[in-house]
Structures are given as structure tokens and as C-alpha cells.
Amino acid sequence: MRLRILLVTAVTTALVLATLLVPLALLTRSHAADRATADATARAQSLAAGIGTALAHPGPEGSRATAASLVTAANGANLPRTSVILADGTVLGPPARVTDAVRLARYGRAFAYAPPEGGQTVLVPVQGTSGGTAVVHVALTDTQLYAGTLPSWLAFAGLGAGLVLLGLLVADRLGARLVGSTQRLAKVADRLAAGDLTARAEPEGPPELRLVAGQLNHLAGRIEGFLTAERENAADLAHRLRTPVAALRLDAEGLRDPAEAERIAADVAALERSVDEVIRTARKPLRDATGRTGAGGPSRDGADEPSADLAAVARERADFWRPLAEDQGRTLDFQAPAAPVYVRADEAELAAAVDALIGNVFDHTPEGVGMRLHVSAAAGDRAGGLLVIEDDGPGFPEGHVPQRGKSGGGSTGLGLDIVRRVAEESGGRTELTAARRASGGEDTPGNGRGARVEAHLGGPSA
């Protein structure tokens, strides 16, 4: 932007100066020519008066010698070439041709003209001499005609260059002010994008930028208000769930079957932990996908970075869901390496992601459809791990693109979004695929197209 302002200023100033200085330079050249011509005419008229007196009456040769001396005196250094052409064609002084212009001057007319060879020629008749009219011939070269033009042009060029530089200096200061204000607005926008909702722009610069700064501050305030209200609503909603969860705990404790009571109590405890995690998450400072906090909180780099064993968490959640799978006639196969597979994720969030993957199979496939949960370390030198779940159900609908809040299957549509968010915050990604099984046939339990979800999770920083 700053360079464009300088370029526009330079071009505009140059055009304006060219419009003014070019005619002025031509006028200076014309004025120099007029001045040189007028000076030559005056010299010719003065010489014509002396020549006329010397040749007024016929006499000894001394009168012509006097005229010749006058012509010689008129041809000094750096002076125009001056000659006198007598009526009989004799030339006193430098050589000069008898042209039609000279013949016209003999009729008593003084004038100046531009000969083909360049320069300017002044002719002044000398009447009253013996033998006819003589003509004073003064020839100006181009150098003599336009003497003093070059210094004037150089002065004009210097003036134009100075004005251009002055214009560029003013434009640079103006551009620096505009660019500086714009850059500061961009930095405030970057801070807002990073989650720092306390960032505000200082209204400065031209009215348009001050208006943008004001609207940006208004937008930041609105975003902060909306997010605060949303987080408070989430915390309030989670807090309201405590009452029905407490009732479930009492009901579980009242069951006669101790094993059943213990199992349901464990489920209720897990539900309570999930509710508590929702409340804690809603109370945390905002942070973006790179882990920076919005209120200047700790970074997720280094010692404050979360880390969890993907294999251990997935194994624990698979054991949790296996009794329900057995009740529905499902198989739940789990494979994971014996060594820990550390990924950059909070253990509770990682457990929620695994629950979402397994829960989707229960929610969207018929009873009896089996599933397989695999955990492996990232291939090659990449840190992190790979979490894969496959099922034998009908698979994803043709052209299915999961969107937050839209599942196409009657659910909230948040399950896969939870997995995506956990994967992306760890520096990874998710992939959804569906491929017909080699056995072919109808989409029946154990013989469907099958759905496959891969969650690539990044490893903790070294």
C-alpha cells in the first residue's frame, strides 16, 4: 500500500510538472530566440546608419575602406556574423550570398527569416548610398539564437525534481501513517483470532480507518458477550444435570442385585465425571486450536501441555462398553500395543472421543453388528498415535459429509465433531471411509459395507 501511494504520487506529480514545465521550457526557448533576433536587428540597424554615412556620396576608395572597417568592428568574438552586400554585389566582411531575400531587402524592407541551414538571418537595407541600395546581412547560428536556454532548462529540471521529491516525502509520511494504522488494526484482529478477547483497536488515522477500528472493537465486545453467555449456559445446564444424576445414584444404590447396583453406580459415576468436566471446561479461559489462551494464560507447550496414553485410555473405555456389547450380541475386538502410545490430548477429552466413536456404532447400527477398535503408534518418525474403529454395519450414506449439529441419523451430530476437535487440537486429523466388504452380499449384520473412522492424533512436544 505504501509503495502504491508513492508510485501514484510520483506519476501524478510528474504529469502535473510536465504539463507546466514543458510549455514553460518552450516559452523560454522562444523568448531567447526573440531576444537574440532583436539584438541582431539593433546591431544591423546601427551598422546600417554608419554604412550609409560612409557611402552616402561617391568619392575616393577611402569611403569603402571606412565601411569595411565598420563591418570588421561588428564581427567581434562570439558575435553574429555580419556582412554588408553592396548594390554591385560586392560583400564587405564575411562571405554572404545574394539570395532572393537580399534582393527583396533592396526594395527597402527590413526583416528576419530562418534559412534552411538553421539559425536566423536579419536583413536591413542601407538606402541613400551611391550606386544603389546596400544590405546589412547578420547571420545567427542556433547556438547564438538560443543562448541561455540550457541553463534555464536545467533550472526547470532541478525545480521539477525537487517538487517530485517533496511530493514523495509527503506521500511517504502519509503512507506510513496509513500503513501503520492498518497494521495495528491487523494485529488486533490477529489477537482476537488467537482468542484474546481483551484486544481493542485504538481509533487513529483517517476517518475510514477510525470507523473500522470502532466497528472492530464493537465486534470484539459482541463476540466476548456471546461466548461468555454460551459458556455460562453450558455450565448452568451441566449444573442442572446434577439433580437427576443424584437421583440415579440413589436408585442404583437401592437395587437388590449387588452386581447390577455396582455396575449402574459406576455408570452414574462416569456420568458425574462428564458433567463435572463440562463445568470445568466452561470455566476455563478460551484458547484457540494452537493452544494459546485468550486471557494470557499458560501455553500448551512445555510443562503445561496435556499428554495421555492413547492405548490405556482406549483399553479402559473398551472394557467399559464391552458388557453392553455382549448384551446386544455384538463383538468388540480391541487391539493395542503393550507399550504406551502418548498423544497430545487431555485424558478426559480423549476418553470422550473414544466413547463418541464406540457410541456411534451402538446408535447407528443394528444389534449384533460387531466392531473393532485399534490403536497403533504413528508410522515412521512421526510422533503420536492412530485410533481406528470399524464396524460391520451399513456404513455411511452415499455422499455423507458430517457437520456439527447435523448427523442425518436423528442424533445431535456432535459425536464425530468431538473426535475431530480432539484430533485437530493435538495437531492431527480425522478420516471417514466406507468400503464394501470382500464377502459382498446384503447389508446385514456382519456383512455390510462397514464404516471406518480414523483419528490421527499428534504426539506431545519433546
Protein backbone atom coordinates (compact mmCIF):
# COMPACT_ATOMS: atom_id res chain seq x y z
CA MET A 1 0.00 0.00 0.00
CA ARG A 2 2.79 2.39 0.92
CA LEU A 3 4.65 1.65 -2.33
CA ARG A 4 1.48 2.17 -4.35
CA ILE A 5 0.89 5.54 -2.74
CA LEU A 6 4.45 6.58 -3.60
CA LEU A 7 4.05 5.35 -7.16
CA VAL A 8 0.74 7.16 -7.68
CA THR A 9 2.19 10.34 -6.17
CA ALA A 10 5.29 10.18 -8.38
CA VAL A 11 3.28 9.62 -11.55
CA THR A 12 0.73 12.32 -10.71
CA THR A 13 3.39 14.88 -9.77
CA ALA A 14 5.40 14.09 -12.90
CA LEU A 15 2.35 14.57 -15.12
CA VAL A 16 1.45 17.89 -13.48
CA LEU A 17 5.02 19.16 -13.71
CA ALA A 18 5.28 18.05 -17.34
CA THR A 19 2.09 19.94 -18.12
CA LEU A 20 3.53 23.09 -16.55
CA LEU A 21 7.27 22.91 -17.23
CA VAL A 22 7.29 21.71 -20.84
CA PRO A 23 5.33 24.76 -22.12
CA LEU A 24 7.45 26.97 -19.88
CA ALA A 25 10.64 25.48 -21.35
CA LEU A 26 9.37 26.06 -24.89
CA LEU A 27 8.41 29.61 -23.97
CA THR A 28 11.92 30.20 -22.59
CA ARG A 29 13.43 28.93 -25.85
CA SER A 30 11.17 31.18 -27.89
CA HIS A 31 11.98 34.15 -25.68
CA ALA A 32 15.72 33.56 -26.12
CA ALA A 33 15.31 33.45 -29.90
CA ASP A 34 13.25 36.67 -29.90
CA ARG A 35 15.82 38.39 -27.73
CA ALA A 36 18.75 37.32 -29.92
CA THR A 37 16.87 38.37 -33.06
CA ALA A 38 16.01 41.78 -31.58
CA ASP A 39 19.63 42.31 -30.54
CA ALA A 40 20.87 41.33 -34.02
CA THR A 41 18.33 43.71 -35.61
CA ALA A 42 19.50 46.57 -33.42
CA ARG A 43 23.14 45.84 -34.35
CA ALA A 44 22.23 45.69 -38.02
CA GLN A 45 20.34 48.99 -37.88
CA SER A 46 23.25 50.69 -36.06
CA LEU A 47 25.71 49.37 -38.65
CA ALA A 48 23.37 50.40 -41.46
CA ALA A 49 23.46 54.01 -40.21
CA GLY A 50 27.29 54.04 -40.22
CA ILE A 51 27.50 52.37 -43.61
CA GLY A 52 25.00 54.84 -45.03
CA THR A 53 27.08 57.81 -43.84
CA ALA A 54 30.31 56.31 -45.23
CA LEU A 55 28.82 55.51 -48.64
CA ALA A 56 26.46 58.46 -48.97
CA HIS A 57 28.43 60.23 -51.73
CA PRO A 58 30.75 58.88 -54.33
CA GLY A 59 34.33 59.65 -53.61
CA PRO A 60 37.72 58.12 -53.15
CA GLU A 61 38.16 54.50 -52.25
CA GLY A 62 38.66 55.58 -48.67
CA SER A 63 34.87 55.71 -48.13
CA ARG A 64 34.57 51.98 -48.92
CA ALA A 65 37.54 51.28 -46.68
CA THR A 66 35.78 53.13 -43.86
CA ALA A 67 32.70 50.97 -44.42
CA ALA A 68 34.84 47.82 -44.39
CA SER A 69 36.41 48.84 -41.07
CA LEU A 70 32.93 49.30 -39.58
CA VAL A 71 31.99 45.79 -40.71
CA THR A 72 35.21 44.36 -39.29
CA ALA A 73 34.49 46.02 -35.92
CA ALA A 74 30.98 44.48 -35.92
CA ASN A 75 32.43 40.94 -36.25
CA GLY A 76 33.94 40.56 -32.80
CA ALA A 77 34.43 37.32 -30.88
CA ASN A 78 31.20 35.39 -30.14
CA LEU A 79 29.22 37.96 -32.16
CA PRO A 80 26.88 37.14 -35.05
CA ARG A 81 28.49 37.02 -38.49
CA THR A 82 27.84 40.45 -40.02
CA SER A 83 28.34 41.38 -43.68
CA VAL A 84 27.36 44.23 -45.99
CA ILE A 85 26.27 43.40 -49.53
CA LEU A 86 26.70 46.42 -51.80
CA ALA A 87 24.46 47.17 -54.73
CA ASP A 88 27.01 45.86 -57.22
CA GLY A 89 27.24 42.50 -55.36
CA THR A 90 30.46 43.30 -53.52
CA VAL A 91 30.49 41.81 -49.99
CA LEU A 92 32.18 43.65 -47.13
CA GLY A 93 33.07 41.28 -44.28
CA PRO A 94 32.42 37.53 -44.14
CA PRO A 95 31.12 35.91 -47.32
CA ALA A 96 27.40 36.13 -47.93
CA ARG A 97 25.27 35.01 -50.88
CA VAL A 98 22.92 37.27 -52.79
CA THR A 99 19.64 35.44 -52.35
CA ASP A 100 16.07 36.31 -53.12
CA ALA A 101 15.74 37.57 -49.55
CA VAL A 102 18.63 40.00 -50.15
CA ARG A 103 17.04 41.21 -53.40
CA LEU A 104 13.77 41.75 -51.52
CA ALA A 105 15.57 43.77 -48.84
CA ARG A 106 17.00 46.09 -51.54
CA TYR A 107 13.49 47.36 -52.06
CA GLY A 108 13.74 48.99 -48.64
CA ARG A 109 12.24 46.28 -46.40
CA ALA A 110 13.99 45.10 -43.22
CA PHE A 111 13.08 41.62 -41.93
CA ALA A 112 14.36 38.42 -40.35
CA TYR A 113 13.92 34.86 -41.60
CA ALA A 114 15.10 31.33 -40.83
CA PRO A 115 17.32 29.97 -43.61
CA PRO A 116 17.29 26.24 -44.49
CA GLU A 117 20.68 25.65 -42.90
CA GLY A 118 19.33 26.71 -39.49
CA GLY A 119 19.73 29.71 -37.26
CA GLN A 120 18.30 33.15 -38.03
CA THR A 121 19.22 35.84 -40.58
CA VAL A 122 18.46 39.56 -40.20
CA LEU A 123 18.47 41.85 -43.30
CA VAL A 124 18.44 45.66 -43.03
CA PRO A 125 18.59 47.86 -46.19
CA VAL A 126 21.02 50.82 -46.43
CA GLN A 127 19.47 53.39 -48.69
CA GLY A 128 20.98 56.59 -49.97
CA THR A 129 24.33 55.11 -50.94
CA SER A 130 25.86 55.76 -54.30
CA GLY A 131 25.23 53.10 -56.87
CA GLY A 132 22.05 51.68 -55.25
CA THR A 133 20.80 50.11 -52.03
CA ALA A 134 23.19 48.10 -49.88
CA VAL A 135 22.01 45.41 -47.42
CA VAL A 136 23.36 44.65 -43.95
CA HIS A 137 23.41 40.85 -43.51
CA VAL A 138 23.54 39.48 -39.91
CA ALA A 139 23.58 35.65 -39.56
CA LEU A 140 22.81 33.98 -36.20
CA THR A 141 23.73 30.34 -35.52
CA ASP A 142 21.46 28.08 -33.47
CA THR A 143 23.84 28.38 -30.52
CA GLN A 144 23.71 32.19 -30.66
CA LEU A 145 19.96 32.18 -31.28
CA TYR A 146 19.15 30.03 -28.23
CA ALA A 147 21.92 31.20 -25.92
CA GLY A 148 20.93 30.86 -22.23
CA THR A 149 18.23 28.24 -22.89
CA LEU A 150 20.13 25.25 -21.47
CA PRO A 151 20.76 26.80 -18.01
CA SER A 152 17.07 27.71 -17.82
CA TRP A 153 16.07 24.17 -18.71
CA LEU A 154 18.44 22.73 -16.13
CA ALA A 155 16.92 25.07 -13.54
CA PHE A 156 13.45 23.86 -14.51
CA ALA A 157 14.57 20.23 -14.30
CA GLY A 158 16.03 20.82 -10.85
CA LEU A 159 12.85 22.53 -9.73
CA GLY A 160 10.75 19.63 -11.05
CA ALA A 161 12.96 17.02 -9.37
CA GLY A 162 12.76 18.93 -6.10
CA LEU A 163 8.98 19.11 -6.29
CA VAL A 164 8.77 15.39 -7.08
CA LEU A 165 10.98 14.54 -4.10
CA LEU A 166 8.96 16.82 -1.87
CA GLY A 167 5.75 15.15 -3.04
CA LEU A 168 7.24 11.69 -2.44
CA LEU A 169 8.33 12.72 1.06
CA VAL A 170 4.85 13.95 1.93
CA ALA A 171 3.29 10.83 0.36
CA ASP A 172 5.70 8.57 2.27
CA ARG A 173 4.74 10.18 5.58
CA LEU A 174 1.07 9.87 4.71
CA GLY A 175 1.54 6.26 3.55
CA ALA A 176 3.46 5.39 6.71
CA ARG A 177 0.62 6.75 8.78
CA LEU A 178 -2.00 4.83 6.82
CA VAL A 179 0.02 1.60 6.71
CA GLY A 180 0.89 1.86 10.41
CA SER A 181 -2.76 2.27 11.36
CA THR A 182 -3.75 -0.62 9.11
CA GLN A 183 -1.03 -2.88 10.52
CA ARG A 184 -2.11 -2.10 14.08
CA LEU A 185 -5.69 -2.99 13.15
CA ALA A 186 -4.44 -6.27 11.66
CA LYS A 187 -2.51 -7.08 14.86
CA VAL A 188 -5.64 -6.51 16.94
CA ALA A 189 -7.58 -8.79 14.57
CA ASP A 190 -4.86 -11.45 14.93
CA ARG A 191 -5.08 -11.23 18.73
CA LEU A 192 -8.85 -11.64 18.54
CA ALA A 193 -8.43 -14.64 16.23
CA ALA A 194 -5.97 -16.12 18.75
CA GLY A 195 -8.63 -15.90 21.46
CA ASP A 196 -7.53 -12.70 23.22
CA LEU A 197 -10.95 -11.09 23.54
CA THR A 198 -9.49 -8.21 25.57
CA ALA A 199 -7.71 -6.86 22.47
CA ARG A 200 -9.03 -3.49 21.34
CA ALA A 201 -8.01 -1.17 18.50
CA GLU A 202 -7.04 2.45 19.05
CA PRO A 203 -9.08 4.67 16.68
CA GLU A 204 -6.46 6.59 14.68
CA GLY A 205 -5.63 7.61 11.16
CA PRO A 206 -8.15 8.81 8.56
CA PRO A 207 -11.90 8.72 9.29
CA GLU A 208 -12.37 5.45 7.39
CA LEU A 209 -9.78 3.60 9.49
CA ARG A 210 -11.16 5.11 12.69
CA LEU A 211 -14.58 3.78 11.66
CA VAL A 212 -13.11 0.31 11.03
CA ALA A 213 -11.36 0.38 14.43
CA GLY A 214 -14.61 1.30 16.17
CA GLN A 215 -16.53 -1.46 14.42
CA LEU A 216 -13.77 -3.97 15.21
CA ASN A 217 -13.96 -3.05 18.89
CA HIS A 218 -17.74 -3.39 18.75
CA LEU A 219 -17.41 -6.81 17.12
CA ALA A 220 -14.90 -7.93 19.77
CA GLY A 221 -17.29 -6.86 22.52
CA ARG A 222 -20.17 -8.72 20.90
CA ILE A 223 -18.09 -11.88 20.45
CA GLU A 224 -16.94 -11.74 24.05
CA GLY A 225 -20.53 -11.31 25.21
CA PHE A 226 -21.81 -14.17 23.08
CA LEU A 227 -19.06 -16.55 24.17
CA THR A 228 -19.48 -15.65 27.81
CA ALA A 229 -23.23 -16.24 27.59
CA GLU A 230 -22.72 -19.53 25.76
CA ARG A 231 -20.19 -20.79 28.31
CA GLU A 232 -22.39 -19.73 31.21
CA ASN A 233 -25.36 -21.52 29.65
CA ALA A 234 -23.27 -24.67 29.21
CA ALA A 235 -22.11 -24.50 32.81
CA ASP A 236 -25.66 -23.87 34.06
CA LEU A 237 -27.05 -26.74 32.00
CA ALA A 238 -24.38 -29.10 33.31
CA HIS A 239 -25.07 -27.96 36.84
CA ARG A 240 -28.78 -28.69 36.42
CA LEU A 241 -27.91 -32.28 35.48
CA ARG A 242 -26.53 -32.85 38.96
CA THR A 243 -30.02 -33.33 40.40
CA PRO A 244 -31.19 -36.15 38.06
CA VAL A 245 -27.73 -37.75 38.31
CA ALA A 246 -28.01 -37.73 42.11
CA ALA A 247 -31.44 -39.37 41.78
CA LEU A 248 -29.94 -42.06 39.53
CA ARG A 249 -27.27 -42.73 42.14
CA LEU A 250 -29.92 -43.22 44.84
CA ASP A 251 -31.89 -45.54 42.56
CA ALA A 252 -28.73 -47.55 41.82
CA GLU A 253 -27.93 -47.91 45.49
CA GLY A 254 -31.46 -49.26 46.06
CA LEU A 255 -31.12 -52.19 43.64
CA ARG A 256 -31.26 -55.65 45.17
CA ASP A 257 -28.68 -57.21 42.90
CA PRO A 258 -25.26 -56.04 44.23
CA ALA A 259 -23.50 -56.69 40.92
CA GLU A 260 -26.13 -54.76 38.99
CA ALA A 261 -26.06 -51.99 41.59
CA GLU A 262 -22.27 -51.73 41.34
CA ARG A 263 -22.35 -51.61 37.54
CA ILE A 264 -25.02 -48.91 37.37
CA ALA A 265 -23.27 -46.94 40.13
CA ALA A 266 -20.09 -46.99 38.05
CA ASP A 267 -22.04 -45.70 35.06
CA VAL A 268 -23.56 -42.92 37.17
CA ALA A 269 -20.10 -42.01 38.50
CA ALA A 270 -18.81 -41.75 34.93
CA LEU A 271 -21.77 -39.52 34.11
CA GLU A 272 -20.98 -37.33 37.10
CA ARG A 273 -17.37 -37.00 35.96
CA SER A 274 -18.56 -35.98 32.50
CA VAL A 275 -20.85 -33.33 33.98
CA ASP A 276 -18.01 -32.01 36.15
CA GLU A 277 -15.73 -31.89 33.10
CA VAL A 278 -18.31 -29.85 31.18
CA ILE A 279 -18.44 -27.33 34.03
CA ARG A 280 -14.63 -27.13 34.27
CA THR A 281 -14.29 -26.72 30.53
CA ALA A 282 -16.86 -23.92 30.51
CA ARG A 283 -14.92 -22.11 33.25
CA LYS A 284 -11.53 -22.39 31.54
CA PRO A 285 -10.01 -19.41 29.67
CA LEU A 286 -10.70 -19.51 25.96
CA ARG A 287 -7.99 -20.90 23.74
CA ASP A 288 -7.59 -21.43 20.06
CA ALA A 289 -6.67 -24.54 18.13
CA THR A 290 -2.95 -23.92 18.66
CA GLY A 291 -3.41 -23.96 22.41
CA ARG A 292 -2.93 -20.25 23.17
CA THR A 293 -5.19 -18.91 25.87
CA GLY A 294 -7.37 -15.89 25.37
CA ALA A 295 -6.58 -14.14 28.62
CA GLY A 296 -2.85 -14.56 28.64
CA GLY A 297 -3.00 -17.97 30.35
CA PRO A 298 -0.39 -20.68 30.09
CA SER A 299 0.57 -22.10 26.76
CA ARG A 300 0.02 -25.71 25.87
CA ASP A 301 3.70 -26.00 25.07
CA GLY A 302 6.18 -27.39 27.51
CA ALA A 303 5.15 -28.39 31.03
CA ASP A 304 1.54 -27.17 30.68
CA GLU A 305 0.88 -29.35 27.62
CA PRO A 306 -1.59 -32.22 28.22
CA SER A 307 -0.48 -35.75 27.49
CA ALA A 308 -2.30 -39.08 27.70
CA ASP A 309 -1.67 -42.73 26.90
CA LEU A 310 -3.98 -43.46 23.97
CA ALA A 311 -3.63 -47.22 24.35
CA ALA A 312 -4.53 -47.19 28.06
CA VAL A 313 -7.50 -44.85 27.64
CA ALA A 314 -8.89 -46.79 24.67
CA ARG A 315 -8.46 -50.09 26.52
CA GLU A 316 -10.29 -48.73 29.60
CA ARG A 317 -13.19 -47.41 27.50
CA ALA A 318 -13.43 -50.65 25.50
CA ASP A 319 -13.73 -52.61 28.77
CA PHE A 320 -16.43 -50.14 29.88
CA TRP A 321 -18.55 -50.71 26.74
CA ARG A 322 -17.96 -54.47 26.40
CA PRO A 323 -20.80 -55.56 28.78
CA LEU A 324 -23.33 -53.56 26.77
CA ALA A 325 -21.95 -55.04 23.54
CA GLU A 326 -22.39 -58.56 24.94
CA ASP A 327 -25.99 -57.78 25.93
CA GLN A 328 -26.70 -56.81 22.29
CA GLY A 329 -24.88 -59.76 20.77
CA ARG A 330 -22.05 -57.64 19.42
CA THR A 331 -18.36 -58.39 19.27
CA LEU A 332 -15.98 -55.65 20.40
CA ASP A 333 -12.43 -56.52 19.43
CA PHE A 334 -9.64 -54.36 20.78
CA GLN A 335 -6.01 -54.29 19.70
CA ALA A 336 -3.28 -52.03 21.05
CA PRO A 337 0.46 -52.26 21.58
CA ALA A 338 1.71 -53.14 25.04
CA ALA A 339 3.89 -50.01 25.12
CA PRO A 340 2.24 -46.65 25.89
CA VAL A 341 1.18 -44.50 22.92
CA TYR A 342 1.38 -40.94 24.17
CA VAL A 343 -0.60 -38.28 22.36
CA ARG A 344 -1.13 -34.57 22.95
CA ALA A 345 -4.61 -34.59 24.47
CA ASP A 346 -6.30 -34.35 27.83
CA GLU A 347 -7.18 -37.78 29.21
CA ALA A 348 -10.83 -36.86 29.84
CA GLU A 349 -11.21 -35.38 26.35
CA LEU A 350 -9.53 -38.41 24.82
CA ALA A 351 -11.92 -40.71 26.72
CA ALA A 352 -14.88 -38.66 25.46
CA ALA A 353 -13.62 -39.05 21.89
CA VAL A 354 -13.31 -42.85 22.25
CA ASP A 355 -16.79 -43.00 23.82
CA ALA A 356 -18.17 -40.98 20.92
CA LEU A 357 -16.71 -43.41 18.37
CA ILE A 358 -17.99 -46.51 20.15
CA GLY A 359 -21.34 -44.91 20.99
CA ASN A 360 -21.91 -44.07 17.32
CA VAL A 361 -21.72 -47.77 16.46
CA PHE A 362 -24.34 -48.61 19.11
CA ASP A 363 -26.58 -45.74 17.98
CA HIS A 364 -26.43 -46.21 14.21
CA THR A 365 -26.07 -49.95 13.60
CA PRO A 366 -28.48 -52.84 14.33
CA GLU A 367 -27.92 -55.13 17.29
CA GLY A 368 -25.47 -57.92 16.54
CA VAL A 369 -23.18 -55.74 14.39
CA GLY A 370 -19.61 -56.18 15.55
CA MET A 371 -16.89 -53.58 15.80
CA ARG A 372 -13.10 -53.41 16.02
CA LEU A 373 -11.09 -50.79 17.89
CA HIS A 374 -7.40 -50.47 17.00
CA VAL A 375 -4.66 -48.32 18.48
CA SER A 376 -1.20 -48.02 16.97
CA ALA A 377 1.76 -45.69 17.16
CA ALA A 378 2.23 -43.28 14.28
CA ALA A 379 4.19 -44.71 11.37
CA GLY A 380 7.73 -43.57 10.65
CA ASP A 381 9.30 -40.81 12.68
CA ARG A 382 6.02 -39.03 13.35
CA ALA A 383 5.02 -38.76 16.96
CA GLY A 384 1.51 -39.51 18.18
CA GLY A 385 -0.89 -42.34 17.56
CA LEU A 386 -3.68 -43.65 15.34
CA LEU A 387 -7.11 -44.58 16.67
CA VAL A 388 -9.30 -46.59 14.27
CA ILE A 389 -12.81 -48.01 14.73
CA GLU A 390 -14.51 -50.23 12.16
CA ASP A 391 -17.93 -51.83 12.17
CA ASP A 392 -19.86 -54.28 10.01
CA GLY A 393 -22.92 -52.08 9.62
CA PRO A 394 -24.38 -50.40 6.53
CA GLY A 395 -21.70 -47.69 6.54
CA PHE A 396 -22.09 -44.02 5.89
CA PRO A 397 -24.75 -42.81 3.46
CA GLU A 398 -23.58 -42.04 -0.07
CA GLY A 399 -22.00 -38.56 -0.20
CA HIS A 400 -22.21 -38.23 3.60
CA VAL A 401 -20.29 -35.22 4.93
CA PRO A 402 -20.63 -34.97 8.72
CA GLN A 403 -21.42 -31.48 10.02
CA ARG A 404 -21.63 -30.27 13.58
CA GLY A 405 -25.27 -30.45 14.73
CA LYS A 406 -26.37 -32.46 11.63
CA SER A 407 -25.98 -36.22 11.69
CA GLY A 408 -28.62 -37.36 9.25
CA GLY A 409 -29.43 -40.18 11.66
CA GLY A 410 -31.64 -38.48 14.21
CA SER A 411 -28.87 -37.70 16.72
CA THR A 412 -27.26 -34.45 17.80
CA GLY A 413 -24.47 -34.77 15.28
CA LEU A 414 -21.81 -33.88 17.87
CA GLY A 415 -20.09 -37.26 18.28
CA LEU A 416 -17.72 -37.15 15.32
CA ASP A 417 -17.21 -33.43 15.90
CA ILE A 418 -15.84 -34.21 19.36
CA VAL A 419 -13.38 -36.63 17.78
CA ARG A 420 -12.42 -34.08 15.11
CA ARG A 421 -11.83 -31.34 17.69
CA VAL A 422 -9.63 -33.55 19.90
CA ALA A 423 -7.61 -34.72 16.88
CA GLU A 424 -7.11 -31.22 15.46
CA GLU A 425 -6.15 -29.72 18.82
CA SER A 426 -3.46 -32.38 19.09
CA GLY A 427 -2.18 -31.45 15.64
CA GLY A 428 -3.81 -34.35 13.79
CA ARG A 429 -6.89 -35.03 11.71
CA THR A 430 -9.82 -37.42 11.17
CA GLU A 431 -10.78 -39.53 8.15
CA LEU A 432 -14.10 -41.24 7.38
CA THR A 433 -14.25 -44.08 4.85
CA ALA A 434 -16.75 -46.75 3.81
CA ALA A 435 -15.87 -49.72 1.59
CA ARG A 436 -17.86 -52.85 0.74
CA ARG A 437 -16.53 -55.93 2.42
CA ALA A 438 -14.94 -58.61 0.32
CA SER A 439 -17.73 -61.10 1.15
CA GLY A 440 -20.32 -58.95 -0.67
CA GLY A 441 -23.99 -59.74 -0.22
CA GLU A 442 -26.67 -57.80 1.56
CA ASP A 443 -26.02 -55.18 4.23
CA THR A 444 -26.83 -57.48 7.11
CA PRO A 445 -25.09 -57.58 10.48
CA GLY A 446 -21.62 -58.94 9.90
CA ASN A 447 -21.85 -58.50 6.13
CA GLY A 448 -22.34 -54.76 5.49
CA ARG A 449 -20.30 -52.16 3.77
CA GLY A 450 -18.87 -51.12 7.10
CA ALA A 451 -17.80 -47.73 8.33
CA ARG A 452 -14.25 -46.82 9.24
CA VAL A 453 -13.18 -43.76 11.19
CA GLU A 454 -9.50 -42.90 11.64
CA ALA A 455 -8.35 -40.33 14.20
CA HIS A 456 -4.73 -39.25 13.76
CA LEU A 457 -3.52 -37.66 16.98
CA GLY A 458 -0.30 -35.72 17.35
CA GLY A 459 2.28 -36.55 19.94
CA PRO A 460 3.38 -34.34 22.83
CA SER A 461 6.19 -31.89 22.23
CA ALA A 462 9.66 -33.06 23.12
